[in-house]
Amino acid sequence: MGVARACHREGAELGFNYLGEALKKRVHPLAESIRSSFVEPLDVADDAQIDDFFSKAEARWGRLDFIVHSIAFANRESLIGHFRDTRAPISISRWTFPHTPSSPAPAGGPVDGTGGGHGDDELPRGGALRAELQRDGVAKAALEAATRYLAYDLGREGIRVNAVSAGPIRTLAASGVGDFRRLMEKSARGALLRRNVTQDEVGNATAYLLSDWASGVTGEVHYVDAGFNIGGGDPGIEPAASGSTSPSS
């Protein structure tokens, strides 16, 4: 939502896709709020649907100036238990991201893979939350690697590929993460700015990467996490005994 608002504000004409009726009810109001009439169903696990979606986009616009890939999925049962007990899911985001720019690739335009969280997080101690984040971390690390390889392959065509690694934000996808509130608290305590980021802050950073202002930027993982990735220093998810919100030593 933050990405769509930022790109619309800067003059972009946007198209959307969705999976299933439940998400259709959420995507249509967003599209209407920014006066977009291109909203199509798409199961990214189905190559034929991918081809059909981009054929419609090509018929509508002729070419695409940029693509934003913001997709993730994992079965709930695959997120339960210890990391070592089950095969870690490399989420659908990793497998579909490399195929996106080969659909009608933007002519010299950017491709952005957005993701929440980092592939190199220092994880909270104990319990199902740790195992869940470990699996997510493996998937995000794969997505970040795919960003670099895609940038290498597509650079000769003038296509830039970057990824946004955002701090935790309360979204529909986040509702599937167990004890997400504690994760938000940990992130806020450990971030250099001592707070979490907003959807609009992630949207603004993404709009920059998609614009000509970032014409010399490719193959990068751009963190929008209030500085958590470099200065956290808080290894736990429990507040200090004194009640202070400063990082523990």
Protein backbone atom coordinates (compact mmCIF):
# COMPACT_ATOMS: atom_id res chain seq x y z
CA MET A 1 0.00 0.00 0.00
CA GLY A 2 2.80 2.43 0.88
CA VAL A 3 4.59 1.66 -2.40
CA ALA A 4 1.43 2.19 -4.44
CA ARG A 5 0.68 5.51 -2.73
CA ALA A 6 4.23 6.80 -3.21
CA CYS A 7 4.43 5.80 -6.86
CA HIS A 8 1.00 7.27 -7.59
CA ARG A 9 2.00 10.52 -5.88
CA GLU A 10 5.01 10.75 -8.21
CA GLY A 11 2.83 10.31 -11.29
CA ALA A 12 3.00 6.58 -12.04
CA GLU A 13 0.06 4.76 -13.60
CA LEU A 14 -0.18 1.44 -11.77
CA GLY A 15 -1.61 -2.01 -12.36
CA PHE A 16 -2.29 -4.67 -9.74
CA ASN A 17 -2.80 -8.41 -9.39
CA TYR A 18 -4.27 -10.57 -6.66
CA LEU A 19 -4.72 -14.22 -5.68
CA GLY A 20 -8.21 -15.35 -4.71
CA GLU A 21 -11.41 -13.58 -3.79
CA ALA A 22 -10.28 -12.67 -0.26
CA LEU A 23 -7.36 -10.61 -1.57
CA LYS A 24 -9.43 -9.23 -4.42
CA LYS A 25 -11.59 -7.47 -1.82
CA ARG A 26 -8.47 -5.78 -0.45
CA VAL A 27 -6.73 -4.92 -3.72
CA HIS A 28 -9.70 -3.36 -5.51
CA PRO A 29 -10.24 -0.56 -2.94
CA LEU A 30 -6.52 0.27 -3.08
CA ALA A 31 -6.60 0.40 -6.88
CA GLU A 32 -9.71 2.58 -6.83
CA SER A 33 -8.13 4.97 -4.31
CA ILE A 34 -5.39 5.81 -6.81
CA ARG A 35 -7.65 5.62 -9.86
CA SER A 36 -6.21 2.41 -11.31
CA SER A 37 -8.49 0.29 -13.48
CA PHE A 38 -5.99 -2.47 -14.21
CA VAL A 39 -6.62 -5.19 -11.61
CA GLU A 40 -6.23 -8.79 -12.72
CA PRO A 41 -6.15 -12.20 -11.00
CA LEU A 42 -2.79 -13.95 -10.95
CA ASP A 43 -1.43 -17.12 -9.38
CA VAL A 44 2.32 -16.70 -9.72
CA ALA A 45 2.81 -20.44 -9.30
CA ASP A 46 1.10 -20.91 -12.69
CA ASP A 47 3.30 -19.97 -15.66
CA ALA A 48 0.30 -19.73 -17.99
CA GLN A 49 -1.34 -17.15 -15.72
CA ILE A 50 1.90 -15.16 -15.56
CA ASP A 51 2.07 -15.07 -19.36
CA ASP A 52 -1.59 -14.06 -19.59
CA PHE A 53 -1.21 -11.28 -17.02
CA PHE A 54 1.78 -9.72 -18.73
CA SER A 55 0.15 -10.07 -22.14
CA LYS A 56 -2.72 -7.96 -20.83
CA ALA A 57 -0.26 -5.45 -19.38
CA GLU A 58 1.59 -5.25 -22.69
CA ALA A 59 -1.67 -4.72 -24.55
CA ARG A 60 -2.60 -1.95 -22.13
CA TRP A 61 0.67 -0.02 -21.98
CA GLY A 62 2.92 -1.43 -24.71
CA ARG A 63 5.79 -1.73 -22.26
CA LEU A 64 6.38 -1.50 -18.53
CA ASP A 65 8.58 1.14 -16.96
CA PHE A 66 9.05 -0.84 -13.74
CA ILE A 67 7.90 -3.93 -11.88
CA VAL A 68 7.45 -4.28 -8.12
CA HIS A 69 7.55 -7.86 -6.89
CA SER A 70 6.11 -8.11 -3.38
CA ILE A 71 4.99 -11.71 -2.92
CA ALA A 72 5.53 -14.29 -0.23
CA PHE A 73 3.79 -17.51 0.73
CA ALA A 74 4.35 -20.51 2.96
CA ASN A 75 1.98 -23.11 4.34
CA ARG A 76 1.25 -22.47 8.01
CA GLU A 77 2.28 -26.01 8.97
CA SER A 78 5.72 -25.47 7.46
CA LEU A 79 6.35 -22.66 9.96
CA ILE A 80 5.77 -24.77 13.08
CA GLY A 81 8.40 -26.59 15.08
CA HIS A 82 12.17 -26.37 15.29
CA PHE A 83 14.12 -25.30 12.23
CA ARG A 84 16.12 -28.55 12.19
CA ASP A 85 13.02 -30.75 12.28
CA THR A 86 11.49 -29.78 8.95
CA ARG A 87 12.71 -28.63 5.59
CA ALA A 88 12.97 -24.85 5.61
CA PRO A 89 10.58 -23.42 3.01
CA ILE A 90 12.22 -21.28 0.38
CA SER A 91 9.12 -19.17 -0.08
CA ILE A 92 7.38 -18.60 -3.35
CA SER A 93 8.87 -15.10 -3.41
CA ARG A 94 12.30 -16.56 -4.21
CA TRP A 95 11.08 -18.82 -7.01
CA THR A 96 8.89 -16.27 -8.78
CA PHE A 97 11.14 -13.22 -8.50
CA PRO A 98 13.67 -14.29 -11.18
CA HIS A 99 10.85 -14.97 -13.67
CA THR A 100 9.15 -11.60 -13.25
CA PRO A 101 11.45 -9.39 -15.36
CA SER A 102 11.54 -11.95 -18.17
CA SER A 103 7.82 -11.56 -18.72
CA PRO A 104 7.70 -8.32 -20.82
CA ALA A 105 10.80 -6.86 -19.19
CA PRO A 106 10.79 -3.14 -18.59
CA ALA A 107 12.77 -1.48 -21.35
CA GLY A 108 15.70 -0.25 -19.34
CA GLY A 109 13.53 0.15 -16.28
CA PRO A 110 13.99 -1.12 -12.74
CA VAL A 111 12.74 -4.26 -11.07
CA ASP A 112 12.28 -4.15 -7.32
CA GLY A 113 11.79 -7.08 -4.96
CA THR A 114 10.29 -5.91 -1.70
CA GLY A 115 10.52 -8.01 1.43
CA GLY A 116 9.95 -7.62 5.14
CA GLY A 117 12.81 -8.56 7.42
CA HIS A 118 16.42 -9.45 6.76
CA GLY A 119 18.29 -12.53 5.67
CA ASP A 120 20.94 -11.86 8.30
CA ASP A 121 18.89 -10.92 11.37
CA GLU A 122 20.11 -11.55 14.87
CA LEU A 123 17.24 -13.68 16.08
CA PRO A 124 15.32 -13.61 19.34
CA ARG A 125 15.96 -16.43 21.75
CA GLY A 126 13.69 -19.42 22.14
CA GLY A 127 10.34 -20.78 21.06
CA ALA A 128 8.32 -21.01 17.89
CA LEU A 129 9.04 -17.39 16.92
CA ARG A 130 12.74 -18.14 16.52
CA ALA A 131 12.07 -21.19 14.31
CA GLU A 132 9.57 -19.22 12.24
CA LEU A 133 12.03 -16.36 11.69
CA GLN A 134 14.81 -18.79 10.84
CA ARG A 135 12.75 -20.20 8.00
CA ASP A 136 11.81 -16.71 6.85
CA GLY A 137 15.46 -15.68 7.06
CA VAL A 138 16.49 -18.50 4.72
CA ALA A 139 13.86 -17.40 2.20
CA LYS A 140 14.89 -13.75 2.45
CA ALA A 141 18.57 -14.61 2.06
CA ALA A 142 17.68 -16.49 -1.13
CA LEU A 143 15.71 -13.48 -2.38
CA GLU A 144 18.65 -11.18 -1.72
CA ALA A 145 20.97 -13.54 -3.62
CA ALA A 146 18.49 -13.66 -6.52
CA THR A 147 18.55 -9.84 -6.59
CA ARG A 148 22.30 -9.80 -7.12
CA TYR A 149 22.28 -12.52 -9.78
CA LEU A 150 19.41 -10.87 -11.67
CA ALA A 151 21.21 -7.53 -11.57
CA TYR A 152 24.25 -9.25 -13.08
CA ASP A 153 22.25 -10.95 -15.85
CA LEU A 154 20.04 -7.99 -16.77
CA GLY A 155 22.55 -5.17 -16.41
CA ARG A 156 23.68 -5.49 -20.03
CA GLU A 157 20.07 -4.79 -21.05
CA GLY A 158 19.99 -1.63 -18.97
CA ILE A 159 17.59 -3.17 -16.46
CA ARG A 160 18.26 -2.42 -12.80
CA VAL A 161 17.32 -4.88 -10.05
CA ASN A 162 17.21 -3.93 -6.37
CA ALA A 163 15.56 -5.20 -3.22
CA VAL A 164 14.05 -3.41 -0.24
CA SER A 165 14.54 -5.03 3.16
CA ALA A 166 12.05 -3.41 5.49
CA GLY A 167 11.65 -3.56 9.22
CA PRO A 168 8.54 -5.25 10.64
CA ILE A 169 5.25 -3.51 9.81
CA ARG A 170 1.72 -4.50 10.76
CA THR A 171 0.28 -5.80 7.49
CA LEU A 172 -1.98 -8.66 6.39
CA ALA A 173 1.06 -10.87 5.82
CA ALA A 174 2.44 -10.03 9.26
CA SER A 175 -0.73 -11.37 10.87
CA GLY A 176 0.52 -14.87 10.08
CA VAL A 177 3.68 -14.42 12.17
CA GLY A 178 3.32 -15.72 15.71
CA ASP A 179 3.77 -13.17 18.51
CA PHE A 180 4.41 -10.39 16.03
CA ARG A 181 3.91 -7.74 18.70
CA ARG A 182 7.05 -8.89 20.54
CA LEU A 183 9.00 -8.82 17.29
CA MET A 184 7.89 -5.21 16.74
CA GLU A 185 9.02 -4.31 20.26
CA LYS A 186 12.41 -5.94 19.74
CA SER A 187 12.90 -4.10 16.46
CA ALA A 188 12.00 -0.72 17.96
CA ARG A 189 14.40 -1.19 20.88
CA GLY A 190 17.24 -2.33 18.66
CA ALA A 191 16.87 0.23 15.85
CA LEU A 192 19.16 3.24 15.81
CA LEU A 193 16.13 5.52 15.60
CA ARG A 194 14.49 3.60 18.47
CA ARG A 195 11.28 3.08 16.53
CA ASN A 196 9.73 0.98 13.79
CA VAL A 197 9.23 2.16 10.23
CA THR A 198 5.95 2.92 8.46
CA GLN A 199 4.46 1.72 5.20
CA ASP A 200 4.89 5.18 3.75
CA GLU A 201 8.61 5.22 4.59
CA VAL A 202 9.06 1.91 2.77
CA GLY A 203 6.98 3.25 -0.12
CA ASN A 204 9.10 6.40 -0.42
CA ALA A 205 12.34 4.40 -0.50
CA THR A 206 10.92 2.05 -3.11
CA ALA A 207 9.71 4.93 -5.28
CA TYR A 208 13.26 6.32 -5.21
CA LEU A 209 14.71 2.99 -6.41
CA LEU A 210 12.12 2.81 -9.19
CA SER A 211 12.82 6.36 -10.36
CA ASP A 212 15.56 7.90 -12.49
CA TRP A 213 17.05 9.31 -9.29
CA ALA A 214 18.43 5.81 -8.70
CA SER A 215 19.59 5.32 -12.30
CA GLY A 216 23.06 4.29 -11.12
CA VAL A 217 21.88 1.86 -8.45
CA THR A 218 21.51 -1.87 -9.09
CA GLY A 219 22.13 -5.14 -7.30
CA GLU A 220 21.54 -3.50 -3.93
CA VAL A 221 19.57 -4.59 -0.88
CA HIS A 222 18.28 -1.32 0.54
CA TYR A 223 17.41 -1.45 4.23
CA VAL A 224 14.45 0.59 5.46
CA ASP A 225 14.46 -0.48 9.11
CA ALA A 226 15.35 2.62 11.16
CA GLY A 227 18.93 1.33 11.41
CA PHE A 228 18.17 -2.02 13.04
CA ASN A 229 20.40 -3.99 10.65
CA ILE A 230 23.63 -2.23 11.69
CA GLY A 231 23.17 -1.07 15.24
CA GLY A 232 20.63 -3.21 17.01
CA GLY A 233 22.65 -4.42 19.96
CA ASP A 234 19.55 -5.87 21.67
CA PRO A 235 19.86 -9.67 21.46
CA GLY A 236 16.62 -10.41 23.29
CA ILE A 237 12.93 -9.75 22.93
CA GLU A 238 12.17 -9.00 26.58
CA PRO A 239 12.31 -5.47 28.05
CA ALA A 240 15.11 -4.71 30.49
CA ALA A 241 14.26 -5.35 34.13
CA SER A 242 14.38 -1.63 34.89
CA GLY A 243 11.75 -0.94 32.29
CA SER A 244 14.19 1.08 30.19
CA THR A 245 13.76 0.96 26.40
CA SER A 246 17.50 1.33 25.71
CA PRO A 247 19.40 -1.64 24.22
CA SER A 248 20.79 -4.16 26.66
CA SER A 249 24.54 -4.62 26.86
